[in-house]
PDB file of N, CA and C in Angstrom:
ATOM      1  N   MET A   1      -7.731  17.230   0.658  1.00  0.00           N
ATOM      2  CA  MET A   1      -8.364  17.090  -0.626  1.00  0.00           C
ATOM      3  C   MET A   1      -9.598  18.009  -0.696  1.00  0.00           C
ATOM      4  N   LYS A   2      -9.680  18.654  -1.791  1.00  0.00           N
ATOM      5  CA  LYS A   2     -10.848  19.627  -1.984  1.00  0.00           C
ATOM      6  C   LYS A   2     -11.821  18.950  -2.819  1.00  0.00           C
ATOM      7  N   ALA A   3     -13.167  19.271  -2.642  1.00  0.00           N
ATOM      8  CA  ALA A   3     -14.288  18.731  -3.394  1.00  0.00           C
ATOM      9  C   ALA A   3     -14.198  18.979  -4.833  1.00  0.00           C
ATOM     10  N   GLN A   4     -13.552  20.078  -5.084  1.00  0.00           N
ATOM     11  CA  GLN A   4     -13.481  20.440  -6.525  1.00  0.00           C
ATOM     12  C   GLN A   4     -12.464  19.406  -7.365  1.00  0.00           C
ATOM     13  N   ASP A   5     -11.378  19.142  -6.601  1.00  0.00           N
ATOM     14  CA  ASP A   5     -10.436  18.166  -7.029  1.00  0.00           C
ATOM     15  C   ASP A   5     -11.162  16.756  -7.346  1.00  0.00           C
ATOM     16  N   VAL A   6     -11.948  16.465  -6.347  1.00  0.00           N
ATOM     17  CA  VAL A   6     -12.586  15.147  -6.455  1.00  0.00           C
ATOM     18  C   VAL A   6     -13.660  15.130  -7.622  1.00  0.00           C
ATOM     19  N   ARG A   7     -14.287  16.247  -7.833  1.00  0.00           N
ATOM     20  CA  ARG A   7     -15.179  16.329  -8.871  1.00  0.00           C
ATOM     21  C   ARG A   7     -14.687  16.011 -10.294  1.00  0.00           C
ATOM     22  N   GLN A   8     -13.331  16.271 -10.333  1.00  0.00           N
ATOM     23  CA  GLN A   8     -12.696  16.314 -11.592  1.00  0.00           C
ATOM     24  C   GLN A   8     -12.172  14.810 -11.865  1.00  0.00           C
ATOM     25  N   MET A   9     -12.213  13.934 -10.859  1.00  0.00           N
ATOM     26  CA  MET A   9     -11.841  12.557 -10.904  1.00  0.00           C
ATOM     27  C   MET A   9     -12.807  11.741 -11.644  1.00  0.00           C
ATOM     28  N   THR A  10     -12.445  10.646 -12.380  1.00  0.00           N
ATOM     29  CA  THR A  10     -13.326   9.687 -12.935  1.00  0.00           C
ATOM     30  C   THR A  10     -13.753   8.807 -11.618  1.00  0.00           C
ATOM     31  N   GLU A  11     -14.836   7.860 -11.911  1.00  0.00           N
ATOM     32  CA  GLU A  11     -15.347   7.171 -10.923  1.00  0.00           C
ATOM     33  C   GLU A  11     -14.275   6.017 -10.396  1.00  0.00           C
ATOM     34  N   ASP A  12     -13.440   5.657 -11.343  1.00  0.00           N
ATOM     35  CA  ASP A  12     -12.393   4.652 -11.067  1.00  0.00           C
ATOM     36  C   ASP A  12     -11.449   5.212 -10.275  1.00  0.00           C
ATOM     37  N   GLN A  13     -11.068   6.507 -10.616  1.00  0.00           N
ATOM     38  CA  GLN A  13      -9.965   7.231  -9.832  1.00  0.00           C
ATOM     39  C   GLN A  13     -10.415   7.436  -8.323  1.00  0.00           C
ATOM     40  N   ILE A  14     -11.724   7.693  -8.241  1.00  0.00           N
ATOM     41  CA  ILE A  14     -12.314   7.925  -6.926  1.00  0.00           C
ATOM     42  C   ILE A  14     -12.330   6.662  -6.044  1.00  0.00           C
ATOM     43  N   GLY A  15     -12.643   5.489  -6.713  1.00  0.00           N
ATOM     44  CA  GLY A  15     -12.547   4.109  -6.032  1.00  0.00           C
ATOM     45  C   GLY A  15     -11.226   3.776  -5.665  1.00  0.00           C
ATOM     46  N   ASP A  16     -10.036   4.022  -6.484  1.00  0.00           N
ATOM     47  CA  ASP A  16      -8.768   3.784  -6.090  1.00  0.00           C
ATOM     48  C   ASP A  16      -8.366   4.678  -4.929  1.00  0.00           C
ATOM     49  N   GLU A  17      -8.666   5.872  -5.070  1.00  0.00           N
ATOM     50  CA  GLU A  17      -8.345   6.880  -3.870  1.00  0.00           C
ATOM     51  C   GLU A  17      -9.002   6.412  -2.513  1.00  0.00           C
ATOM     52  N   VAL A  18     -10.233   5.998  -2.684  1.00  0.00           N
ATOM     53  CA  VAL A  18     -10.910   5.438  -1.420  1.00  0.00           C
ATOM     54  C   VAL A  18     -10.208   4.271  -0.789  1.00  0.00           C
ATOM     55  N   ALA A  19      -9.799   3.393  -1.680  1.00  0.00           N
ATOM     56  CA  ALA A  19      -9.092   2.146  -1.291  1.00  0.00           C
ATOM     57  C   ALA A  19      -7.802   2.566  -0.567  1.00  0.00           C
ATOM     58  N   ARG A  20      -7.007   3.492  -1.203  1.00  0.00           N
ATOM     59  CA  ARG A  20      -5.784   3.971  -0.764  1.00  0.00           C
ATOM     60  C   ARG A  20      -5.893   4.557   0.764  1.00  0.00           C
ATOM     61  N   LEU A  21      -6.981   5.349   0.738  1.00  0.00           N
ATOM     62  CA  LEU A  21      -7.194   6.032   2.047  1.00  0.00           C
ATOM     63  C   LEU A  21      -7.726   5.233   3.126  1.00  0.00           C
ATOM     64  N   LYS A  22      -8.387   4.043   2.744  1.00  0.00           N
ATOM     65  CA  LYS A  22      -8.838   3.144   3.683  1.00  0.00           C
ATOM     66  C   LYS A  22      -7.734   2.284   4.226  1.00  0.00           C
ATOM     67  N   LYS A  23      -6.683   2.076   3.449  1.00  0.00           N
ATOM     68  CA  LYS A  23      -5.467   1.401   3.953  1.00  0.00           C
ATOM     69  C   LYS A  23      -4.742   2.285   4.836  1.00  0.00           C
ATOM     70  N   GLU A  24      -4.657   3.595   4.479  1.00  0.00           N
ATOM     71  CA  GLU A  24      -3.989   4.602   5.367  1.00  0.00           C
ATOM     72  C   GLU A  24      -4.624   4.669   6.784  1.00  0.00           C
ATOM     73  N   GLN A  25      -6.038   4.697   6.675  1.00  0.00           N
ATOM     74  CA  GLN A  25      -6.777   4.766   8.003  1.00  0.00           C
ATOM     75  C   GLN A  25      -6.494   3.597   8.786  1.00  0.00           C
ATOM     76  N   PHE A  26      -6.388   2.365   8.265  1.00  0.00           N
ATOM     77  CA  PHE A  26      -6.095   1.185   8.962  1.00  0.00           C
ATOM     78  C   PHE A  26      -4.824   1.253   9.603  1.00  0.00           C
ATOM     79  N   ASN A  27      -3.713   1.818   8.838  1.00  0.00           N
ATOM     80  CA  ASN A  27      -2.510   1.943   9.392  1.00  0.00           C
ATOM     81  C   ASN A  27      -2.447   2.951  10.538  1.00  0.00           C
ATOM     82  N   LEU A  28      -3.138   4.003  10.325  1.00  0.00           N
ATOM     83  CA  LEU A  28      -3.181   5.043  11.282  1.00  0.00           C
ATOM     84  C   LEU A  28      -3.845   4.588  12.637  1.00  0.00           C
ATOM     85  N   ARG A  29      -4.880   3.790  12.575  1.00  0.00           N
ATOM     86  CA  ARG A  29      -5.598   3.070  13.765  1.00  0.00           C
ATOM     87  C   ARG A  29      -4.533   2.209  14.427  1.00  0.00           C
ATOM     88  N   PHE A  30      -3.772   1.403  13.668  1.00  0.00           N
ATOM     89  CA  PHE A  30      -2.804   0.561  14.372  1.00  0.00           C
ATOM     90  C   PHE A  30      -1.805   1.380  15.006  1.00  0.00           C
ATOM     91  N   GLN A  31      -1.249   2.348  14.352  1.00  0.00           N
ATOM     92  CA  GLN A  31      -0.255   3.222  14.997  1.00  0.00           C
ATOM     93  C   GLN A  31      -0.714   3.879  16.283  1.00  0.00           C
ATOM     94  N   ARG A  32      -2.037   4.333  16.303  1.00  0.00           N
ATOM     95  CA  ARG A  32      -2.560   4.946  17.511  1.00  0.00           C
ATOM     96  C   ARG A  32      -2.731   3.841  18.561  1.00  0.00           C
ATOM     97  N   ALA A  33      -3.096   2.759  18.283  1.00  0.00           N
ATOM     98  CA  ALA A  33      -3.247   1.576  19.292  1.00  0.00           C
ATOM     99  C   ALA A  33      -1.899   1.260  19.891  1.00  0.00           C
ATOM    100  N   THR A  34      -0.874   1.252  19.157  1.00  0.00           N
ATOM    101  CA  THR A  34       0.420   0.910  19.600  1.00  0.00           C
ATOM    102  C   THR A  34       1.248   2.186  20.189  1.00  0.00           C
ATOM    103  N   GLY A  35       0.608   3.349  20.173  1.00  0.00           N
ATOM    104  CA  GLY A  35       1.260   4.442  20.764  1.00  0.00           C
ATOM    105  C   GLY A  35       2.317   5.079  19.880  1.00  0.00           C
ATOM    106  N   GLN A  36       2.274   4.795  18.498  1.00  0.00           N
ATOM    107  CA  GLN A  36       3.262   5.349  17.554  1.00  0.00           C
ATOM    108  C   GLN A  36       2.819   6.497  16.772  1.00  0.00           C
ATOM    109  N   LEU A  37       1.601   6.822  16.919  1.00  0.00           N
ATOM    110  CA  LEU A  37       0.975   7.859  16.137  1.00  0.00           C
ATOM    111  C   LEU A  37       1.443   9.316  16.478  1.00  0.00           C
ATOM    112  N   SER A  38       2.181  10.043  15.659  1.00  0.00           N
ATOM    113  CA  SER A  38       2.514  11.379  15.969  1.00  0.00           C
ATOM    114  C   SER A  38       1.585  12.456  15.624  1.00  0.00           C
ATOM    115  N   ASN A  39       0.976  12.316  14.410  1.00  0.00           N
ATOM    116  CA  ASN A  39       0.217  13.509  13.838  1.00  0.00           C
ATOM    117  C   ASN A  39      -1.368  12.793  14.007  1.00  0.00           C
ATOM    118  N   THR A  40      -2.009  13.179  15.083  1.00  0.00           N
ATOM    119  CA  THR A  40      -3.178  12.554  15.469  1.00  0.00           C
ATOM    120  C   THR A  40      -4.442  13.247  14.549  1.00  0.00           C
ATOM    121  N   SER A  41      -4.215  14.503  13.980  1.00  0.00           N
ATOM    122  CA  SER A  41      -5.158  15.098  13.199  1.00  0.00           C
ATOM    123  C   SER A  41      -5.272  14.475  11.797  1.00  0.00           C
ATOM    124  N   ARG A  42      -4.350  13.531  11.430  1.00  0.00           N
ATOM    125  CA  ARG A  42      -4.439  13.005  10.168  1.00  0.00           C
ATOM    126  C   ARG A  42      -5.561  11.995  10.196  1.00  0.00           C
ATOM    127  N   VAL A  43      -5.839  11.344  11.223  1.00  0.00           N
ATOM    128  CA  VAL A  43      -6.930  10.324  11.455  1.00  0.00           C
ATOM    129  C   VAL A  43      -8.401  10.893  11.058  1.00  0.00           C
ATOM    130  N   ARG A  44      -8.491  12.112  11.694  1.00  0.00           N
ATOM    131  CA  ARG A  44      -9.739  12.822  11.195  1.00  0.00           C
ATOM    132  C   ARG A  44      -9.808  13.388   9.759  1.00  0.00           C
ATOM    133  N   GLN A  45      -8.710  13.793   9.213  1.00  0.00           N
ATOM    134  CA  GLN A  45      -8.634  14.218   7.868  1.00  0.00           C
ATOM    135  C   GLN A  45      -8.787  13.188   6.871  1.00  0.00           C
ATOM    136  N   VAL A  46      -8.265  12.039   7.158  1.00  0.00           N
ATOM    137  CA  VAL A  46      -8.490  10.740   6.257  1.00  0.00           C
ATOM    138  C   VAL A  46      -9.876  10.430   6.459  1.00  0.00           C
ATOM    139  N   ARG A  47     -10.517  10.353   7.502  1.00  0.00           N
ATOM    140  CA  ARG A  47     -12.079   9.944   7.647  1.00  0.00           C
ATOM    141  C   ARG A  47     -12.891  10.860   6.850  1.00  0.00           C
ATOM    142  N   ARG A  48     -12.556  12.228   6.914  1.00  0.00           N
ATOM    143  CA  ARG A  48     -13.335  13.108   6.129  1.00  0.00           C
ATOM    144  C   ARG A  48     -13.182  13.047   4.581  1.00  0.00           C
ATOM    145  N   ASP A  49     -11.839  12.884   4.242  1.00  0.00           N
ATOM    146  CA  ASP A  49     -11.589  12.603   2.790  1.00  0.00           C
ATOM    147  C   ASP A  49     -12.283  11.393   2.270  1.00  0.00           C
ATOM    148  N   ILE A  50     -12.363  10.375   3.012  1.00  0.00           N
ATOM    149  CA  ILE A  50     -13.213   9.111   2.498  1.00  0.00           C
ATOM    150  C   ILE A  50     -14.593   9.446   2.332  1.00  0.00           C
ATOM    151  N   ALA A  51     -15.125  10.260   3.327  1.00  0.00           N
ATOM    152  CA  ALA A  51     -16.477  10.535   3.239  1.00  0.00           C
ATOM    153  C   ALA A  51     -16.846  11.515   2.123  1.00  0.00           C
ATOM    154  N   ARG A  52     -15.887  12.399   1.846  1.00  0.00           N
ATOM    155  CA  ARG A  52     -16.082  13.236   0.734  1.00  0.00           C
ATOM    156  C   ARG A  52     -16.013  12.639  -0.684  1.00  0.00           C
ATOM    157  N   LEU A  53     -14.957  11.654  -0.729  1.00  0.00           N
ATOM    158  CA  LEU A  53     -14.936  10.822  -2.005  1.00  0.00           C
ATOM    159  C   LEU A  53     -16.201   9.972  -2.244  1.00  0.00           C
ATOM    160  N   MET A  54     -16.694   9.412  -1.092  1.00  0.00           N
ATOM    161  CA  MET A  54     -17.879   8.605  -1.287  1.00  0.00           C
ATOM    162  C   MET A  54     -19.040   9.221  -1.658  1.00  0.00           C
ATOM    163  N   THR A  55     -19.113  10.452  -1.201  1.00  0.00           N
ATOM    164  CA  THR A  55     -20.326  11.281  -1.276  1.00  0.00           C
ATOM    165  C   THR A  55     -20.423  11.692  -2.762  1.00  0.00           C
ATOM    166  N   ILE A  56     -19.235  12.273  -3.236  1.00  0.00           N
ATOM    167  CA  ILE A  56     -19.216  12.752  -4.589  1.00  0.00           C
ATOM    168  C   ILE A  56     -19.330  11.653  -5.610  1.00  0.00           C
ATOM    169  N   GLY A  57     -18.655  10.432  -5.207  1.00  0.00           N
ATOM    170  CA  GLY A  57     -18.879   9.215  -6.062  1.00  0.00           C
ATOM    171  C   GLY A  57     -20.412   8.862  -6.235  1.00  0.00           C
ATOM    172  N   ALA A  58     -21.071   8.884  -5.127  1.00  0.00           N
ATOM    173  CA  ALA A  58     -22.466   8.596  -5.256  1.00  0.00           C
ATOM    174  C   ALA A  58     -23.213   9.639  -5.979  1.00  0.00           C
ATOM    175  N   GLN A  59     -22.907  10.746  -5.853  1.00  0.00           N
ATOM    176  CA  GLN A  59     -23.569  11.844  -6.617  1.00  0.00           C
ATOM    177  C   GLN A  59     -23.458  11.636  -8.218  1.00  0.00           C
ATOM    178  N   LYS A  60     -21.966  11.270  -8.446  1.00  0.00           N
ATOM    179  CA  LYS A  60     -21.775  10.870  -9.960  1.00  0.00           C
ATOM    180  C   LYS A  60     -22.568   9.743 -10.393  1.00  0.00           C
ATOM    181  N   ARG A  61     -22.709   8.687  -9.575  1.00  0.00           N
ATOM    182  CA  ARG A  61     -23.365   7.670 -10.072  1.00  0.00           C
ATOM    183  C   ARG A  61     -24.903   7.884 -10.193  1.00  0.00           C
ATOM    184  N   SER A  62     -25.440   8.713  -9.406  1.00  0.00           N
ATOM    185  CA  SER A  62     -26.924   9.050  -9.412  1.00  0.00           C
ATOM    186  C   SER A  62     -27.121   9.887 -10.630  1.00  0.00           C
ATOM    187  N   THR A  63     -26.354  10.777 -11.011  1.00  0.00           N
ATOM    188  CA  THR A  63     -26.585  11.764 -12.165  1.00  0.00           C
ATOM    189  C   THR A  63     -26.361  10.864 -13.535  1.00  0.00           C
ATOM    190  N   LYS A  64     -25.421   9.873 -13.323  1.00  0.00           N
ATOM    191  CA  LYS A  64     -25.275   9.022 -14.534  1.00  0.00           C
ATOM    192  C   LYS A  64     -26.383   8.197 -14.862  1.00  0.00           C
ATOM    193  N   LYS A  65     -27.173   7.718 -13.921  1.00  0.00           N
ATOM    194  CA  LYS A  65     -28.257   6.861 -14.100  1.00  0.00           C
ATOM    195  C   LYS A  65     -29.490   7.564 -14.706  1.00  0.00           C
ATOM    196  N   GLY A  66     -29.764   8.750 -14.214  1.00  0.00           N
ATOM    197  CA  GLY A  66     -31.076   9.336 -14.517  1.00  0.00           C
ATOM    198  C   GLY A  66     -30.762  10.609 -15.284  1.00  0.00           C
TER     199      GLY A  66
END
């Protein structure tokens, strides 16, 4: 997910996407613990996408207030 794509999303869409990625992150952690995870790089990618979404969401909220 690119930052440019995230900036075009509304705050509600960002929140929905964060929730979806957090569920995926939970499932990936579970798969890793049970030894079923085949794509280990996806864990890092999901974690970074969540951080990117939350950062841009916070920027949108701060510019909206002031």
